[in-house]
């Protein structure tokens, strides 16, 4: 598997995972009791974006490693998987 393919898969997986991780742990300004004038009460009060980026990067690396392992070590190609019957 060429290195640019691995980076492309990582890029796609990373964006999928970030949208799954973003909603976790969010508390709104209304839940915090700190609604400021000019802000929406449903706006996130504590996003912790740096932590979520790190978590997303780790999860994505694990997923891409699993895909790479299946492709390179186990021989999971589209042709090989087309012969599998469930």
N, C-alpha and C. Protein backbone atom coordinates (compact mmCIF):
# COMPACT_ATOMS: atom_id res chain seq x y z
N UNK A 1 0.85 -1.17 0.00
CA UNK A 1 0.00 0.00 0.00
C UNK A 1 0.90 1.23 0.00
N UNK A 2 0.80 2.07 -1.01
CA UNK A 2 1.65 3.26 -1.08
C UNK A 2 1.37 4.22 0.08
N UNK A 3 2.40 4.97 0.45
CA UNK A 3 2.31 5.86 1.61
C UNK A 3 1.26 6.95 1.38
N UNK A 4 1.11 7.43 0.15
CA UNK A 4 0.12 8.47 -0.10
C UNK A 4 -1.29 7.92 0.05
N UNK A 5 -1.49 6.65 -0.20
CA UNK A 5 -2.80 6.03 0.02
C UNK A 5 -3.11 5.96 1.51
N UNK A 6 -2.10 5.65 2.29
CA UNK A 6 -2.29 5.60 3.74
C UNK A 6 -2.65 6.98 4.27
N UNK A 7 -1.97 8.03 3.79
CA UNK A 7 -2.30 9.40 4.22
C UNK A 7 -3.70 9.80 3.77
N UNK A 8 -4.11 9.39 2.59
CA UNK A 8 -5.45 9.70 2.11
C UNK A 8 -6.51 9.02 2.96
N UNK A 9 -6.29 7.76 3.29
CA UNK A 9 -7.24 7.03 4.15
C UNK A 9 -7.26 7.67 5.53
N UNK A 10 -6.10 8.03 6.06
CA UNK A 10 -6.03 8.66 7.38
C UNK A 10 -6.81 9.98 7.38
N UNK A 11 -6.64 10.78 6.34
CA UNK A 11 -7.32 12.07 6.22
C UNK A 11 -8.84 11.88 6.24
N UNK A 12 -9.34 10.92 5.48
CA UNK A 12 -10.78 10.67 5.43
C UNK A 12 -11.29 10.14 6.78
N UNK A 13 -10.57 9.19 7.35
CA UNK A 13 -10.98 8.62 8.64
C UNK A 13 -10.94 9.69 9.73
N UNK A 14 -9.92 10.56 9.70
CA UNK A 14 -9.78 11.60 10.71
C UNK A 14 -11.01 12.51 10.70
N UNK A 15 -11.45 12.93 9.53
CA UNK A 15 -12.62 13.81 9.45
C UNK A 15 -13.90 13.11 9.88
N UNK A 16 -14.02 11.83 9.57
CA UNK A 16 -15.19 11.09 10.04
C UNK A 16 -15.21 10.98 11.56
N UNK A 17 -14.04 10.72 12.13
CA UNK A 17 -13.96 10.55 13.59
C UNK A 17 -14.15 11.88 14.31
N UNK A 18 -13.63 12.99 13.78
CA UNK A 18 -13.77 14.27 14.47
C UNK A 18 -15.23 14.65 14.61
N UNK A 19 -16.04 14.36 13.59
CA UNK A 19 -17.46 14.68 13.69
C UNK A 19 -18.19 13.75 14.66
N UNK A 20 -17.63 12.58 14.92
CA UNK A 20 -18.22 11.70 15.93
C UNK A 20 -17.79 12.09 17.34
N UNK A 21 -16.59 12.65 17.49
CA UNK A 21 -16.04 12.98 18.80
C UNK A 21 -16.51 14.37 19.29
N UNK A 22 -16.78 15.28 18.38
CA UNK A 22 -17.12 16.65 18.77
C UNK A 22 -18.27 16.78 19.78
N UNK A 23 -19.35 16.04 19.66
CA UNK A 23 -20.45 16.26 20.60
C UNK A 23 -20.21 15.77 22.03
N UNK A 24 -19.24 14.92 22.26
CA UNK A 24 -19.02 14.36 23.59
C UNK A 24 -18.48 15.40 24.57
N UNK A 25 -19.09 15.46 25.73
CA UNK A 25 -18.61 16.34 26.80
C UNK A 25 -18.96 17.80 26.63
N UNK A 26 -19.82 18.13 25.72
CA UNK A 26 -20.18 19.54 25.49
C UNK A 26 -21.26 19.95 26.49
N UNK A 27 -21.02 21.07 27.12
CA UNK A 27 -22.03 21.68 27.97
C UNK A 27 -22.31 23.06 27.39
N UNK A 28 -23.58 23.42 27.34
CA UNK A 28 -23.97 24.70 26.76
C UNK A 28 -23.85 25.81 27.80
N UNK A 29 -23.94 27.05 27.31
CA UNK A 29 -23.92 28.19 28.22
C UNK A 29 -25.11 28.15 29.17
N UNK A 30 -26.25 27.66 28.68
CA UNK A 30 -27.43 27.57 29.52
C UNK A 30 -27.24 26.55 30.64
N UNK A 31 -26.62 25.41 30.33
CA UNK A 31 -26.35 24.39 31.35
C UNK A 31 -25.34 24.88 32.39
N UNK A 32 -24.41 25.71 31.95
CA UNK A 32 -23.40 26.27 32.85
C UNK A 32 -23.96 27.43 33.67
N UNK A 33 -25.10 27.99 33.22
CA UNK A 33 -25.68 29.15 33.91
C UNK A 33 -24.91 30.42 33.63
N UNK A 34 -24.33 30.52 32.45
CA UNK A 34 -23.46 31.64 32.12
C UNK A 34 -23.79 32.15 30.71
N UNK A 35 -25.03 32.59 30.50
CA UNK A 35 -25.43 33.11 29.19
C UNK A 35 -25.07 34.58 29.14
N UNK A 36 -24.17 34.93 28.23
CA UNK A 36 -23.74 36.31 28.07
C UNK A 36 -24.61 37.02 27.05
N UNK A 37 -24.73 38.31 27.19
CA UNK A 37 -25.51 39.10 26.25
C UNK A 37 -24.89 39.00 24.86
N UNK A 38 -25.70 38.64 23.90
CA UNK A 38 -25.23 38.53 22.52
C UNK A 38 -24.82 37.13 22.12
N UNK A 39 -24.89 36.17 23.03
CA UNK A 39 -24.58 34.78 22.69
C UNK A 39 -25.84 33.93 22.77
N UNK A 40 -25.86 32.87 22.02
CA UNK A 40 -26.97 31.94 22.06
C UNK A 40 -26.81 31.03 23.27
N UNK A 41 -27.93 30.73 23.91
CA UNK A 41 -27.85 29.90 25.12
C UNK A 41 -27.42 28.47 24.80
N UNK A 42 -27.58 28.06 23.55
CA UNK A 42 -27.20 26.69 23.16
C UNK A 42 -25.76 26.60 22.65
N UNK A 43 -25.01 27.69 22.69
CA UNK A 43 -23.62 27.67 22.24
C UNK A 43 -22.77 26.89 23.24
N UNK A 44 -21.76 26.14 22.75
CA UNK A 44 -20.93 25.38 23.68
C UNK A 44 -20.11 26.29 24.57
N UNK A 45 -20.05 25.93 25.85
CA UNK A 45 -19.30 26.73 26.81
C UNK A 45 -17.87 26.23 26.97
N UNK A 46 -17.67 24.94 26.83
CA UNK A 46 -16.33 24.36 27.03
C UNK A 46 -16.05 23.35 25.92
N UNK A 47 -15.49 23.81 24.84
CA UNK A 47 -15.31 22.94 23.68
C UNK A 47 -14.13 21.99 23.85
N UNK A 48 -13.04 22.41 24.47
CA UNK A 48 -11.83 21.58 24.65
C UNK A 48 -11.39 20.98 23.31
N UNK A 49 -11.20 21.84 22.34
CA UNK A 49 -10.90 21.40 20.98
C UNK A 49 -9.55 20.70 20.86
N UNK A 50 -8.54 21.17 21.57
CA UNK A 50 -7.21 20.55 21.48
C UNK A 50 -7.25 19.09 21.95
N UNK A 51 -7.96 18.84 23.04
CA UNK A 51 -8.09 17.47 23.56
C UNK A 51 -8.83 16.59 22.56
N UNK A 52 -9.85 17.13 21.92
CA UNK A 52 -10.62 16.36 20.96
C UNK A 52 -9.82 16.06 19.70
N UNK A 53 -8.95 16.98 19.29
CA UNK A 53 -8.09 16.73 18.14
C UNK A 53 -7.10 15.61 18.44
N UNK A 54 -6.55 15.60 19.65
CA UNK A 54 -5.62 14.54 20.04
C UNK A 54 -6.33 13.19 20.10
N UNK A 55 -7.52 13.16 20.72
CA UNK A 55 -8.28 11.92 20.79
C UNK A 55 -8.63 11.43 19.39
N UNK A 56 -9.05 12.34 18.52
CA UNK A 56 -9.38 11.98 17.14
C UNK A 56 -8.18 11.42 16.41
N UNK A 57 -7.02 12.02 16.60
CA UNK A 57 -5.81 11.56 15.92
C UNK A 57 -5.43 10.15 16.36
N UNK A 58 -5.56 9.88 17.65
CA UNK A 58 -5.22 8.54 18.17
C UNK A 58 -6.21 7.50 17.65
N UNK A 59 -7.50 7.80 17.73
CA UNK A 59 -8.51 6.86 17.24
C UNK A 59 -8.33 6.60 15.74
N UNK A 60 -8.07 7.66 14.98
CA UNK A 60 -7.89 7.51 13.54
C UNK A 60 -6.66 6.68 13.22
N UNK A 61 -5.59 6.88 13.97
CA UNK A 61 -4.37 6.09 13.75
C UNK A 61 -4.63 4.62 14.00
N UNK A 62 -5.39 4.30 15.03
CA UNK A 62 -5.72 2.91 15.34
C UNK A 62 -6.56 2.30 14.22
N UNK A 63 -7.55 3.04 13.74
CA UNK A 63 -8.40 2.54 12.66
C UNK A 63 -7.61 2.33 11.38
N UNK A 64 -6.76 3.29 11.02
CA UNK A 64 -5.97 3.18 9.79
C UNK A 64 -4.95 2.05 9.92
N UNK A 65 -4.39 1.86 11.11
CA UNK A 65 -3.48 0.74 11.30
C UNK A 65 -4.22 -0.58 11.09
N UNK A 66 -5.45 -0.67 11.59
CA UNK A 66 -6.26 -1.87 11.37
C UNK A 66 -6.55 -2.11 9.91
N UNK A 67 -6.85 -1.05 9.18
CA UNK A 67 -7.08 -1.18 7.74
C UNK A 67 -5.80 -1.62 7.04
N UNK A 68 -4.67 -1.00 7.39
CA UNK A 68 -3.40 -1.36 6.78
C UNK A 68 -3.04 -2.81 7.10
N UNK A 69 -3.23 -3.21 8.35
CA UNK A 69 -2.91 -4.58 8.76
C UNK A 69 -3.77 -5.59 7.98
N UNK A 70 -5.04 -5.28 7.85
CA UNK A 70 -5.92 -6.17 7.11
C UNK A 70 -5.54 -6.27 5.65
N UNK A 71 -5.13 -5.16 5.07
CA UNK A 71 -4.78 -5.14 3.65
C UNK A 71 -3.43 -5.81 3.39
N UNK A 72 -2.43 -5.44 4.17
CA UNK A 72 -1.08 -5.92 3.91
C UNK A 72 -0.83 -7.31 4.50
N UNK A 73 -1.17 -7.51 5.75
CA UNK A 73 -0.84 -8.76 6.43
C UNK A 73 -1.87 -9.87 6.21
N UNK A 74 -3.14 -9.50 6.13
CA UNK A 74 -4.20 -10.50 6.02
C UNK A 74 -4.69 -10.71 4.59
N UNK A 75 -4.31 -9.82 3.68
CA UNK A 75 -4.71 -9.96 2.29
C UNK A 75 -6.15 -9.59 2.01
N UNK A 76 -6.69 -8.64 2.80
CA UNK A 76 -8.07 -8.21 2.59
C UNK A 76 -8.12 -7.22 1.43
N UNK A 77 -8.31 -7.72 0.24
CA UNK A 77 -8.49 -6.86 -0.92
C UNK A 77 -9.94 -6.96 -1.35
N UNK A 78 -10.35 -6.08 -2.25
CA UNK A 78 -11.73 -6.11 -2.73
C UNK A 78 -12.02 -7.43 -3.44
N UNK A 79 -11.04 -7.93 -4.18
CA UNK A 79 -11.22 -9.19 -4.89
C UNK A 79 -11.33 -10.36 -3.91
N UNK A 80 -10.49 -10.38 -2.90
CA UNK A 80 -10.52 -11.47 -1.93
C UNK A 80 -11.80 -11.43 -1.11
N UNK A 81 -12.26 -10.24 -0.76
CA UNK A 81 -13.47 -10.12 0.04
C UNK A 81 -14.74 -10.38 -0.76
N UNK A 82 -14.66 -10.29 -2.09
CA UNK A 82 -15.85 -10.55 -2.91
C UNK A 82 -16.20 -12.04 -2.94
N UNK A 83 -15.26 -12.90 -2.60
CA UNK A 83 -15.50 -14.33 -2.60
C UNK A 83 -16.02 -14.85 -1.27
N UNK A 84 -16.12 -13.97 -0.29
CA UNK A 84 -16.59 -14.38 1.03
C UNK A 84 -18.12 -14.42 1.01
N UNK A 85 -18.67 -15.51 1.50
CA UNK A 85 -20.12 -15.62 1.58
C UNK A 85 -20.53 -15.64 3.05
N UNK A 86 -21.59 -14.94 3.35
CA UNK A 86 -22.05 -14.85 4.74
C UNK A 86 -23.28 -15.69 4.94
